[in-house]
Amino acid sequence: MNDFLSADSFLSVSPALLERFPTYRGLVLIVRGLHNGPSDDHTRALLREAEAQARRTFAEQPLAHHPHLSAWRDAYRAFGVKPNRMSNSAEALISRVLKGGELPTINQLVDLYNAVSVRYAIPCGGEDLSAVAGRVTLSFARGDEPFETVKDGSPATEFPIPGEVVWADEAGVTCRAWNWRQGTRTRITEDTRDAYFLFDTLAPLPADTLRQAGDELETLLRALSPACVVSRVMLGHPA
């Protein structure tokens, strides 16, 4: 098993956020020496398997009634966001499947973490370490932090609403509304070689389920990049 890095590495959670959301727990895989490339038959098959599992899981259970997804909806409301307008990334992906769509194919690394995210109903994102500026912190936004995105097919800069929960480094927001939308500046591309992958959870999701999701993603990453080096960070509520 890999040693866990201390939480005082480049990732942190603000005390004010933990006071408001005391059950928050994050698992981060920091991975160096990755290989990436276009989506292939293997990653597409993993996405199709995740879709099939989502259809089985939610055949008779509305998304909003899933305990973990319901907890995220409550959290979004607590920091002033309507979850029907901005939903966590796992719910958005699963909802797409349940409406008859397919999970998008982006590139091998993104396909891998999206498949795991859907299988476990846990929001997961990935960021290119070479594009990260200094420390990355989960906190309440001031409202003046730039967020680089795409609007109508063109690069655009937006700003979070004051009090919105965001992941941000020293150059701006990397993910808005906690785990709703990732920015373009630090996104994983086919050129990415070093990255971190972040699972966000709230009670009542068990700690063992979070570890299983992390283990599954690590196994997939090592199969794609046998020489990669993986370290872990646990954030927030102790296991």
C-alpha atoms as a PDB file:
ATOM      1  CA  MET A   1       0.000   0.000   0.000  1.00  0.00           C
ATOM      2  CA  ASN A   2       1.240   3.506  -0.824  1.00  0.00           C
ATOM      3  CA  ASP A   3       2.220   5.843   1.973  1.00  0.00           C
ATOM      4  CA  PHE A   4      -0.164   8.752   2.484  1.00  0.00           C
ATOM      5  CA  LEU A   5       1.284  12.209   2.003  1.00  0.00           C
ATOM      6  CA  SER A   6       0.508  14.630   4.776  1.00  0.00           C
ATOM      7  CA  ALA A   7      -2.405  16.972   4.178  1.00  0.00           C
ATOM      8  CA  ASP A   8      -0.031  19.952   4.442  1.00  0.00           C
ATOM      9  CA  SER A   9       1.282  19.229   0.925  1.00  0.00           C
ATOM     10  CA  PHE A  10      -0.012  21.461  -1.883  1.00  0.00           C
ATOM     11  CA  LEU A  11      -3.646  20.551  -1.081  1.00  0.00           C
ATOM     12  CA  SER A  12      -5.706  21.883   1.795  1.00  0.00           C
ATOM     13  CA  VAL A  13      -9.238  22.509   3.028  1.00  0.00           C
ATOM     14  CA  SER A  14     -10.147  25.744   4.776  1.00  0.00           C
ATOM     15  CA  PRO A  15     -11.147  25.421   8.441  1.00  0.00           C
ATOM     16  CA  ALA A  16     -14.274  27.488   7.747  1.00  0.00           C
ATOM     17  CA  LEU A  17     -15.439  24.970   5.178  1.00  0.00           C
ATOM     18  CA  LEU A  18     -14.838  22.016   7.489  1.00  0.00           C
ATOM     19  CA  GLU A  19     -16.770  23.802  10.202  1.00  0.00           C
ATOM     20  CA  ARG A  20     -19.754  24.157   7.852  1.00  0.00           C
ATOM     21  CA  PHE A  21     -19.394  20.674   6.326  1.00  0.00           C
ATOM     22  CA  PRO A  22     -17.786  18.540   9.038  1.00  0.00           C
ATOM     23  CA  THR A  23     -18.376  15.187   7.295  1.00  0.00           C
ATOM     24  CA  TYR A  24     -16.437  16.141   4.157  1.00  0.00           C
ATOM     25  CA  ARG A  25     -13.751  13.641   3.201  1.00  0.00           C
ATOM     26  CA  GLY A  26     -11.548  13.788   0.132  1.00  0.00           C
ATOM     27  CA  LEU A  27      -9.173  11.225  -1.335  1.00  0.00           C
ATOM     28  CA  VAL A  28      -6.482  12.432  -3.712  1.00  0.00           C
ATOM     29  CA  LEU A  29      -4.268  10.271  -5.910  1.00  0.00           C
ATOM     30  CA  ILE A  30      -1.129  12.147  -6.938  1.00  0.00           C
ATOM     31  CA  VAL A  31       0.326  10.351  -9.941  1.00  0.00           C
ATOM     32  CA  ARG A  32       3.566  11.015 -11.795  1.00  0.00           C
ATOM     33  CA  GLY A  33       4.844   9.385 -14.957  1.00  0.00           C
ATOM     34  CA  LEU A  34       1.467   8.880 -16.620  1.00  0.00           C
ATOM     35  CA  HIS A  35       0.758   7.891 -20.175  1.00  0.00           C
ATOM     36  CA  ASN A  36      -2.281   9.390 -21.854  1.00  0.00           C
ATOM     37  CA  GLY A  37      -3.809   9.331 -25.296  1.00  0.00           C
ATOM     38  CA  PRO A  38      -7.090   9.402 -27.181  1.00  0.00           C
ATOM     39  CA  SER A  39      -9.989   7.317 -25.911  1.00  0.00           C
ATOM     40  CA  ASP A  40      -9.646   3.719 -27.072  1.00  0.00           C
ATOM     41  CA  ASP A  41     -11.631   0.487 -27.088  1.00  0.00           C
ATOM     42  CA  HIS A  42     -10.596  -0.265 -23.503  1.00  0.00           C
ATOM     43  CA  THR A  43     -11.711   3.047 -22.010  1.00  0.00           C
ATOM     44  CA  ARG A  44     -14.892   3.056 -24.080  1.00  0.00           C
ATOM     45  CA  ALA A  45     -15.701  -0.426 -22.759  1.00  0.00           C
ATOM     46  CA  LEU A  46     -15.199   0.791 -19.183  1.00  0.00           C
ATOM     47  CA  LEU A  47     -17.595   3.665 -19.820  1.00  0.00           C
ATOM     48  CA  ARG A  48     -20.208   1.324 -21.298  1.00  0.00           C
ATOM     49  CA  GLU A  49     -19.884  -0.960 -18.238  1.00  0.00           C
ATOM     50  CA  ALA A  50     -20.350   2.024 -15.924  1.00  0.00           C
ATOM     51  CA  GLU A  51     -23.442   3.060 -17.883  1.00  0.00           C
ATOM     52  CA  ALA A  52     -24.954  -0.418 -17.542  1.00  0.00           C
ATOM     53  CA  GLN A  53     -24.326  -0.407 -13.801  1.00  0.00           C
ATOM     54  CA  ALA A  54     -25.918   3.029 -13.433  1.00  0.00           C
ATOM     55  CA  ARG A  55     -29.037   1.854 -15.254  1.00  0.00           C
ATOM     56  CA  ARG A  56     -29.299  -1.139 -12.922  1.00  0.00           C
ATOM     57  CA  THR A  57     -28.659   0.905  -9.777  1.00  0.00           C
ATOM     58  CA  PHE A  58     -31.201   3.581 -10.612  1.00  0.00           C
ATOM     59  CA  ALA A  59     -33.823   1.399 -12.281  1.00  0.00           C
ATOM     60  CA  GLU A  60     -36.178   1.912  -9.344  1.00  0.00           C
ATOM     61  CA  GLN A  61     -34.438   4.649  -7.363  1.00  0.00           C
ATOM     62  CA  PRO A  62     -34.587   8.319  -8.378  1.00  0.00           C
ATOM     63  CA  LEU A  63     -31.213  10.052  -8.464  1.00  0.00           C
ATOM     64  CA  ALA A  64     -32.307  12.548  -5.835  1.00  0.00           C
ATOM     65  CA  HIS A  65     -33.074   9.692  -3.405  1.00  0.00           C
ATOM     66  CA  HIS A  66     -29.585   8.173  -3.565  1.00  0.00           C
ATOM     67  CA  PRO A  67     -28.079   8.813  -0.091  1.00  0.00           C
ATOM     68  CA  HIS A  68     -24.749  10.207  -1.309  1.00  0.00           C
ATOM     69  CA  LEU A  69     -26.161  12.261  -4.177  1.00  0.00           C
ATOM     70  CA  SER A  70     -28.872  13.576  -1.864  1.00  0.00           C
ATOM     71  CA  ALA A  71     -26.180  14.718   0.586  1.00  0.00           C
ATOM     72  CA  TRP A  72     -24.499  16.675  -2.212  1.00  0.00           C
ATOM     73  CA  ARG A  73     -27.795  18.297  -3.157  1.00  0.00           C
ATOM     74  CA  ASP A  74     -28.186  19.449   0.454  1.00  0.00           C
ATOM     75  CA  ALA A  75     -24.609  20.778   0.471  1.00  0.00           C
ATOM     76  CA  TYR A  76     -25.167  22.749  -2.722  1.00  0.00           C
ATOM     77  CA  ARG A  77     -28.277  24.342  -1.275  1.00  0.00           C
ATOM     78  CA  ALA A  78     -26.314  25.199   1.878  1.00  0.00           C
ATOM     79  CA  PHE A  79     -23.836  27.348  -0.059  1.00  0.00           C
ATOM     80  CA  GLY A  80     -26.488  28.998  -2.197  1.00  0.00           C
ATOM     81  CA  VAL A  81     -26.599  26.925  -5.386  1.00  0.00           C
ATOM     82  CA  LYS A  82     -29.690  25.240  -6.808  1.00  0.00           C
ATOM     83  CA  PRO A  83     -28.744  21.582  -7.439  1.00  0.00           C
ATOM     84  CA  ASN A  84     -31.180  21.336 -10.356  1.00  0.00           C
ATOM     85  CA  ARG A  85     -29.129  24.016 -12.122  1.00  0.00           C
ATOM     86  CA  MET A  86     -25.625  23.073 -11.011  1.00  0.00           C
ATOM     87  CA  SER A  87     -25.233  19.447  -9.922  1.00  0.00           C
ATOM     88  CA  ASN A  88     -22.167  17.567  -8.784  1.00  0.00           C
ATOM     89  CA  SER A  89     -20.210  15.884 -11.566  1.00  0.00           C
ATOM     90  CA  ALA A  90     -21.200  12.320 -10.642  1.00  0.00           C
ATOM     91  CA  GLU A  91     -24.910  13.153 -10.683  1.00  0.00           C
ATOM     92  CA  ALA A  92     -24.534  15.004 -13.985  1.00  0.00           C
ATOM     93  CA  LEU A  93     -22.873  12.007 -15.625  1.00  0.00           C
ATOM     94  CA  ILE A  94     -25.382   9.504 -14.246  1.00  0.00           C
ATOM     95  CA  SER A  95     -28.294  11.740 -15.226  1.00  0.00           C
ATOM     96  CA  ARG A  96     -26.971  11.857 -18.776  1.00  0.00           C
ATOM     97  CA  VAL A  97     -26.993   8.057 -18.898  1.00  0.00           C
ATOM     98  CA  LEU A  98     -30.469   7.723 -17.419  1.00  0.00           C
ATOM     99  CA  LYS A  99     -31.813  10.125 -20.026  1.00  0.00           C
ATOM    100  CA  GLY A 100     -30.583   7.784 -22.748  1.00  0.00           C
ATOM    101  CA  GLY A 101     -27.206   9.333 -23.484  1.00  0.00           C
ATOM    102  CA  GLU A 102     -23.696   7.918 -23.300  1.00  0.00           C
ATOM    103  CA  LEU A 103     -20.804   8.962 -21.100  1.00  0.00           C
ATOM    104  CA  PRO A 104     -18.517  11.245 -23.119  1.00  0.00           C
ATOM    105  CA  THR A 105     -15.167  10.016 -24.395  1.00  0.00           C
ATOM    106  CA  ILE A 106     -12.519  12.663 -23.665  1.00  0.00           C
ATOM    107  CA  ASN A 107      -9.160  10.934 -23.391  1.00  0.00           C
ATOM    108  CA  GLN A 108      -7.907   7.810 -21.654  1.00  0.00           C
ATOM    109  CA  LEU A 109      -7.266   9.352 -18.227  1.00  0.00           C
ATOM    110  CA  VAL A 110     -10.532  11.288 -18.093  1.00  0.00           C
ATOM    111  CA  ASP A 111     -12.458   8.246 -19.304  1.00  0.00           C
ATOM    112  CA  LEU A 112     -10.965   6.175 -16.480  1.00  0.00           C
ATOM    113  CA  TYR A 113     -11.928   8.514 -13.659  1.00  0.00           C
ATOM    114  CA  ASN A 114     -15.369   9.206 -15.127  1.00  0.00           C
ATOM    115  CA  ALA A 115     -16.085   5.462 -15.266  1.00  0.00           C
ATOM    116  CA  VAL A 116     -15.076   5.027 -11.619  1.00  0.00           C
ATOM    117  CA  SER A 117     -17.038   8.123 -10.586  1.00  0.00           C
ATOM    118  CA  VAL A 118     -20.231   6.738 -12.109  1.00  0.00           C
ATOM    119  CA  ARG A 119     -19.700   3.231 -10.710  1.00  0.00           C
ATOM    120  CA  TYR A 120     -19.444   4.549  -7.146  1.00  0.00           C
ATOM    121  CA  ALA A 121     -21.626   7.689  -7.460  1.00  0.00           C
ATOM    122  CA  ILE A 122     -18.732   9.767  -6.152  1.00  0.00           C
ATOM    123  CA  PRO A 123     -17.727  13.072  -7.768  1.00  0.00           C
ATOM    124  CA  CYS A 124     -14.203  12.766  -9.176  1.00  0.00           C
ATOM    125  CA  GLY A 125     -12.017  15.154 -11.118  1.00  0.00           C
ATOM    126  CA  GLY A 126      -8.474  15.289 -12.398  1.00  0.00           C
ATOM    127  CA  GLU A 127      -6.018  18.155 -12.809  1.00  0.00           C
ATOM    128  CA  ASP A 128      -2.724  18.474 -14.690  1.00  0.00           C
ATOM    129  CA  LEU A 129      -0.013  19.155 -12.114  1.00  0.00           C
ATOM    130  CA  SER A 130       2.123  21.082 -14.619  1.00  0.00           C
ATOM    131  CA  ALA A 131      -0.666  23.678 -14.921  1.00  0.00           C
ATOM    132  CA  VAL A 132      -1.333  24.099 -11.180  1.00  0.00           C
ATOM    133  CA  ALA A 133      -0.068  27.332  -9.619  1.00  0.00           C
ATOM    134  CA  GLY A 134       1.020  26.874  -5.991  1.00  0.00           C
ATOM    135  CA  ARG A 135      -1.323  25.565  -3.333  1.00  0.00           C
ATOM    136  CA  VAL A 136      -4.795  24.251  -4.122  1.00  0.00           C
ATOM    137  CA  THR A 137      -7.430  24.967  -1.483  1.00  0.00           C
ATOM    138  CA  LEU A 138     -11.080  24.077  -1.019  1.00  0.00           C
ATOM    139  CA  SER A 139     -12.779  27.152   0.393  1.00  0.00           C
ATOM    140  CA  PHE A 140     -15.591  29.679   0.076  1.00  0.00           C
ATOM    141  CA  ALA A 141     -15.059  32.006  -2.882  1.00  0.00           C
ATOM    142  CA  ARG A 142     -14.650  35.745  -2.504  1.00  0.00           C
ATOM    143  CA  GLY A 143     -16.165  36.183  -5.955  1.00  0.00           C
ATOM    144  CA  ASP A 144     -13.222  37.799  -7.732  1.00  0.00           C
ATOM    145  CA  GLU A 145     -11.240  34.637  -8.521  1.00  0.00           C
ATOM    146  CA  PRO A 146     -11.009  34.013 -12.286  1.00  0.00           C
ATOM    147  CA  PHE A 147     -12.351  30.770 -13.703  1.00  0.00           C
ATOM    148  CA  GLU A 148     -11.222  29.893 -17.214  1.00  0.00           C
ATOM    149  CA  THR A 149     -13.840  28.005 -19.188  1.00  0.00           C
ATOM    150  CA  VAL A 150     -15.453  27.754 -22.628  1.00  0.00           C
ATOM    151  CA  LYS A 151     -18.648  29.553 -23.592  1.00  0.00           C
ATOM    152  CA  ASP A 152     -20.321  29.192 -26.979  1.00  0.00           C
ATOM    153  CA  GLY A 153     -17.217  27.415 -28.236  1.00  0.00           C
ATOM    154  CA  SER A 154     -14.775  30.173 -27.297  1.00  0.00           C
ATOM    155  CA  PRO A 155     -12.469  30.702 -24.282  1.00  0.00           C
ATOM    156  CA  ALA A 156     -14.145  32.715 -21.542  1.00  0.00           C
ATOM    157  CA  THR A 157     -13.436  33.893 -18.010  1.00  0.00           C
ATOM    158  CA  GLU A 158     -16.148  33.690 -15.369  1.00  0.00           C
ATOM    159  CA  PHE A 159     -16.224  34.356 -11.633  1.00  0.00           C
ATOM    160  CA  PRO A 160     -17.864  32.352  -8.846  1.00  0.00           C
ATOM    161  CA  ILE A 161     -20.593  33.833  -6.723  1.00  0.00           C
ATOM    162  CA  PRO A 162     -19.389  35.013  -3.286  1.00  0.00           C
ATOM    163  CA  GLY A 163     -19.690  32.159  -0.816  1.00  0.00           C
ATOM    164  CA  GLU A 164     -19.662  29.464  -3.494  1.00  0.00           C
ATOM    165  CA  VAL A 165     -17.492  26.477  -2.573  1.00  0.00           C
ATOM    166  CA  VAL A 166     -14.564  26.245  -4.993  1.00  0.00           C
ATOM    167  CA  TRP A 167     -11.261  24.526  -5.498  1.00  0.00           C
ATOM    168  CA  ALA A 168      -8.703  27.205  -6.352  1.00  0.00           C
ATOM    169  CA  ASP A 169      -4.951  27.577  -6.714  1.00  0.00           C
ATOM    170  CA  GLU A 170      -2.958  30.827  -6.662  1.00  0.00           C
ATOM    171  CA  ALA A 171      -3.991  31.698 -10.231  1.00  0.00           C
ATOM    172  CA  GLY A 172      -7.723  31.190  -9.870  1.00  0.00           C
ATOM    173  CA  VAL A 173     -10.522  28.659  -9.616  1.00  0.00           C
ATOM    174  CA  THR A 174      -9.816  25.139 -10.850  1.00  0.00           C
ATOM    175  CA  CYS A 175     -13.313  23.763 -10.145  1.00  0.00           C
ATOM    176  CA  ARG A 176     -16.537  25.675  -9.502  1.00  0.00           C
ATOM    177  CA  ALA A 177     -19.354  24.743  -7.117  1.00  0.00           C
ATOM    178  CA  TRP A 178     -17.131  22.233  -5.311  1.00  0.00           C
ATOM    179  CA  ASN A 179     -17.323  19.550  -8.008  1.00  0.00           C
ATOM    180  CA  TRP A 180     -19.683  20.907 -10.664  1.00  0.00           C
ATOM    181  CA  ARG A 181     -17.411  22.145 -13.458  1.00  0.00           C
ATOM    182  CA  GLN A 182     -13.650  22.006 -13.920  1.00  0.00           C
ATOM    183  CA  GLY A 183     -11.753  24.833 -15.583  1.00  0.00           C
ATOM    184  CA  THR A 184      -9.813  24.604 -18.812  1.00  0.00           C
ATOM    185  CA  ARG A 185      -6.484  25.882 -17.485  1.00  0.00           C
ATOM    186  CA  THR A 186      -5.644  22.790 -15.425  1.00  0.00           C
ATOM    187  CA  ARG A 187      -7.678  20.143 -17.251  1.00  0.00           C
ATOM    188  CA  ILE A 188      -6.082  16.840 -18.192  1.00  0.00           C
ATOM    189  CA  THR A 189      -5.077  16.615 -21.856  1.00  0.00           C
ATOM    190  CA  GLU A 190      -3.383  13.980 -23.975  1.00  0.00           C
ATOM    191  CA  ASP A 191      -0.064  15.662 -23.099  1.00  0.00           C
ATOM    192  CA  THR A 192      -0.564  15.262 -19.343  1.00  0.00           C
ATOM    193  CA  ARG A 193       2.165  13.271 -17.608  1.00  0.00           C
ATOM    194  CA  ASP A 194       1.697  14.272 -13.952  1.00  0.00           C
ATOM    195  CA  ALA A 195      -1.736  14.740 -12.425  1.00  0.00           C
ATOM    196  CA  TYR A 196      -3.869  14.461  -9.335  1.00  0.00           C
ATOM    197  CA  PHE A 197      -7.282  12.821  -9.129  1.00  0.00           C
ATOM    198  CA  LEU A 198      -9.701  13.925  -6.421  1.00  0.00           C
ATOM    199  CA  PHE A 199     -12.706  12.079  -4.993  1.00  0.00           C
ATOM    200  CA  ASP A 200     -15.098  14.259  -2.920  1.00  0.00           C
ATOM    201  CA  THR A 201     -17.455  12.619  -0.419  1.00  0.00           C
ATOM    202  CA  LEU A 202     -19.920  13.483   2.323  1.00  0.00           C
ATOM    203  CA  ALA A 203     -21.698  11.374   4.941  1.00  0.00           C
ATOM    204  CA  PRO A 204     -23.318   8.870   4.720  1.00  0.00           C
ATOM    205  CA  LEU A 205     -20.859   7.441   2.169  1.00  0.00           C
ATOM    206  CA  PRO A 206     -18.680   4.917   4.072  1.00  0.00           C
ATOM    207  CA  ALA A 207     -14.929   5.431   4.217  1.00  0.00           C
ATOM    208  CA  ASP A 208     -14.450   1.909   2.863  1.00  0.00           C
ATOM    209  CA  THR A 209     -16.395   2.800  -0.282  1.00  0.00           C
ATOM    210  CA  LEU A 210     -14.162   5.821  -0.848  1.00  0.00           C
ATOM    211  CA  ARG A 211     -11.063   3.640  -0.483  1.00  0.00           C
ATOM    212  CA  GLN A 212     -12.490   1.077  -2.911  1.00  0.00           C
ATOM    213  CA  ALA A 213     -13.077   3.777  -5.510  1.00  0.00           C
ATOM    214  CA  GLY A 214      -9.534   5.044  -5.049  1.00  0.00           C
ATOM    215  CA  ASP A 215      -8.105   1.542  -5.287  1.00  0.00           C
ATOM    216  CA  GLU A 216     -10.049   0.851  -8.480  1.00  0.00           C
ATOM    217  CA  LEU A 217      -8.839   4.039 -10.140  1.00  0.00           C
ATOM    218  CA  GLU A 218      -5.253   3.357  -9.041  1.00  0.00           C
ATOM    219  CA  THR A 219      -5.419  -0.129 -10.561  1.00  0.00           C
ATOM    220  CA  LEU A 220      -6.658   1.312 -13.853  1.00  0.00           C
ATOM    221  CA  LEU A 221      -3.977   4.004 -13.861  1.00  0.00           C
ATOM    222  CA  ARG A 222      -1.216   1.489 -13.196  1.00  0.00           C
ATOM    223  CA  ALA A 223      -2.489  -0.730 -16.019  1.00  0.00           C
ATOM    224  CA  LEU A 224      -2.358   2.251 -18.384  1.00  0.00           C
ATOM    225  CA  SER A 225       1.005   3.517 -17.082  1.00  0.00           C
ATOM    226  CA  PRO A 226       2.939   0.659 -15.406  1.00  0.00           C
ATOM    227  CA  ALA A 227       5.867   2.902 -14.465  1.00  0.00           C
ATOM    228  CA  CYS A 228       3.794   5.622 -12.798  1.00  0.00           C
ATOM    229  CA  VAL A 229       4.347   6.580  -9.155  1.00  0.00           C
ATOM    230  CA  VAL A 230       1.215   6.999  -7.016  1.00  0.00           C
ATOM    231  CA  SER A 231       0.877   8.762  -3.659  1.00  0.00           C
ATOM    232  CA  ARG A 232      -2.266   9.504  -1.671  1.00  0.00           C
ATOM    233  CA  VAL A 233      -3.615  12.395   0.379  1.00  0.00           C
ATOM    234  CA  MET A 234      -6.631  12.196   2.661  1.00  0.00           C
ATOM    235  CA  LEU A 235      -8.390  15.498   3.293  1.00  0.00           C
ATOM    236  CA  GLY A 236     -11.082  16.610   5.695  1.00  0.00           C
ATOM    237  CA  HIS A 237     -12.925  14.341   8.114  1.00  0.00           C
ATOM    238  CA  PRO A 238     -10.652  11.573   9.499  1.00  0.00           C
ATOM    239  CA  ALA A 239     -11.460   8.053   8.383  1.00  0.00           C
END
